[in-house]
């Protein structure tokens, strides 16, 4: 193990990315429920994958920005939204073809 590795910093980056994704996910759930409460269905699998991607995105941002936990939090929030939008664009182009 690398003697310069800081486990506490890595854990903080993971948590910050996860928290950013959690906030984004909860906002998305609220907006979806508010738009159509009678047809709202919560998808646990989608929610868990979104949080997992946020954790990884937050960790990468923390490494890139030299351990800055705020960048991990922001990347967890905005990064998963960005990746989801790219997926939807790519998926919709596959369906139209």
Protein backbone atom coordinates (compact mmCIF):
# COMPACT_ATOMS: atom_id res chain seq x y z
CA UNK A 1 0.00 0.00 0.00
CA UNK A 2 1.21 3.47 -0.88
CA UNK A 3 2.36 5.33 2.26
CA UNK A 4 1.00 8.59 0.77
CA UNK A 5 -2.53 7.18 0.42
CA UNK A 6 -5.01 8.91 2.70
CA UNK A 7 -7.93 6.59 3.42
CA UNK A 8 -9.93 9.28 5.23
CA UNK A 9 -9.72 11.60 2.22
CA UNK A 10 -10.79 8.81 -0.15
CA UNK A 11 -13.74 7.97 2.10
CA UNK A 12 -14.73 11.64 2.25
CA UNK A 13 -14.65 11.86 -1.56
CA UNK A 14 -16.82 8.73 -1.85
CA UNK A 15 -19.31 10.10 0.68
CA UNK A 16 -19.42 13.55 -0.91
CA UNK A 17 -20.07 12.09 -4.35
CA UNK A 18 -22.76 9.84 -2.93
CA UNK A 19 -24.40 12.73 -1.09
CA UNK A 20 -24.46 14.80 -4.27
CA UNK A 21 -26.10 11.93 -6.12
CA UNK A 22 -28.54 11.33 -3.27
CA UNK A 23 -29.66 14.97 -3.28
CA UNK A 24 -30.06 14.87 -7.06
CA UNK A 25 -31.99 11.61 -6.85
CA UNK A 26 -34.34 12.89 -4.15
CA UNK A 27 -35.02 16.07 -6.12
CA UNK A 28 -35.78 13.95 -9.17
CA UNK A 29 -38.15 11.72 -7.18
CA UNK A 30 -39.93 14.74 -5.77
CA UNK A 31 -40.31 16.35 -9.20
CA UNK A 32 -41.56 13.11 -10.74
CA UNK A 33 -44.05 12.56 -7.93
CA UNK A 34 -45.26 16.16 -8.06
CA UNK A 35 -45.79 15.96 -11.83
CA UNK A 36 -47.91 12.79 -11.71
CA UNK A 37 -48.63 11.43 -8.22
CA UNK A 38 -51.17 8.82 -9.39
CA UNK A 39 -48.84 7.18 -11.91
CA UNK A 40 -45.60 7.60 -9.97
CA UNK A 41 -43.57 4.40 -9.59
CA UNK A 42 -40.30 4.35 -7.66
CA UNK A 43 -37.56 2.27 -9.28
CA UNK A 44 -35.06 1.14 -6.61
CA UNK A 45 -32.68 -0.38 -9.14
CA UNK A 46 -32.41 2.85 -11.14
CA UNK A 47 -31.99 4.88 -7.94
CA UNK A 48 -29.21 2.60 -6.62
CA UNK A 49 -27.33 2.64 -9.92
CA UNK A 50 -27.57 6.43 -10.02
CA UNK A 51 -26.10 6.71 -6.50
CA UNK A 52 -23.34 4.22 -7.38
CA UNK A 53 -22.38 6.24 -10.46
CA UNK A 54 -22.39 9.41 -8.36
CA UNK A 55 -19.99 7.86 -5.85
CA UNK A 56 -17.57 6.87 -8.60
CA UNK A 57 -17.88 10.24 -10.35
CA UNK A 58 -17.30 12.04 -7.05
CA UNK A 59 -14.22 9.93 -6.34
CA UNK A 60 -12.73 10.70 -9.76
CA UNK A 61 -13.41 14.42 -9.35
CA UNK A 62 -11.78 14.36 -5.92
CA UNK A 63 -8.66 12.76 -7.37
CA UNK A 64 -8.56 15.21 -10.28
CA UNK A 65 -9.01 18.24 -7.99
CA UNK A 66 -6.46 17.02 -5.41
CA UNK A 67 -8.84 15.91 -2.69
CA UNK A 68 -11.32 18.77 -2.78
CA UNK A 69 -14.50 17.26 -1.28
CA UNK A 70 -16.70 20.09 -2.64
CA UNK A 71 -15.76 19.13 -6.19
CA UNK A 72 -16.71 15.53 -5.34
CA UNK A 73 -20.08 16.71 -4.07
CA UNK A 74 -20.72 18.81 -7.17
CA UNK A 75 -19.56 16.03 -9.49
CA UNK A 76 -21.85 13.57 -7.72
CA UNK A 77 -24.79 15.92 -8.22
CA UNK A 78 -24.15 17.19 -11.72
CA UNK A 79 -22.09 14.31 -13.08
CA UNK A 80 -24.80 11.69 -12.84
CA UNK A 81 -27.28 14.08 -14.44
CA UNK A 82 -24.84 14.68 -17.29
CA UNK A 83 -24.24 10.96 -17.80
CA UNK A 84 -27.97 10.24 -17.67
CA UNK A 85 -28.63 12.87 -20.33
CA UNK A 86 -25.94 11.38 -22.57
CA UNK A 87 -27.48 7.94 -22.11
CA UNK A 88 -30.95 9.21 -23.00
CA UNK A 89 -29.65 10.96 -26.11
CA UNK A 90 -27.78 7.85 -27.23
CA UNK A 91 -30.67 5.54 -26.40
CA UNK A 92 -33.23 7.69 -28.19
CA UNK A 93 -31.06 7.74 -31.31
CA UNK A 94 -30.87 3.92 -31.22
CA UNK A 95 -34.65 3.63 -30.94
CA UNK A 96 -35.27 6.05 -33.84
CA UNK A 97 -32.91 4.14 -36.19
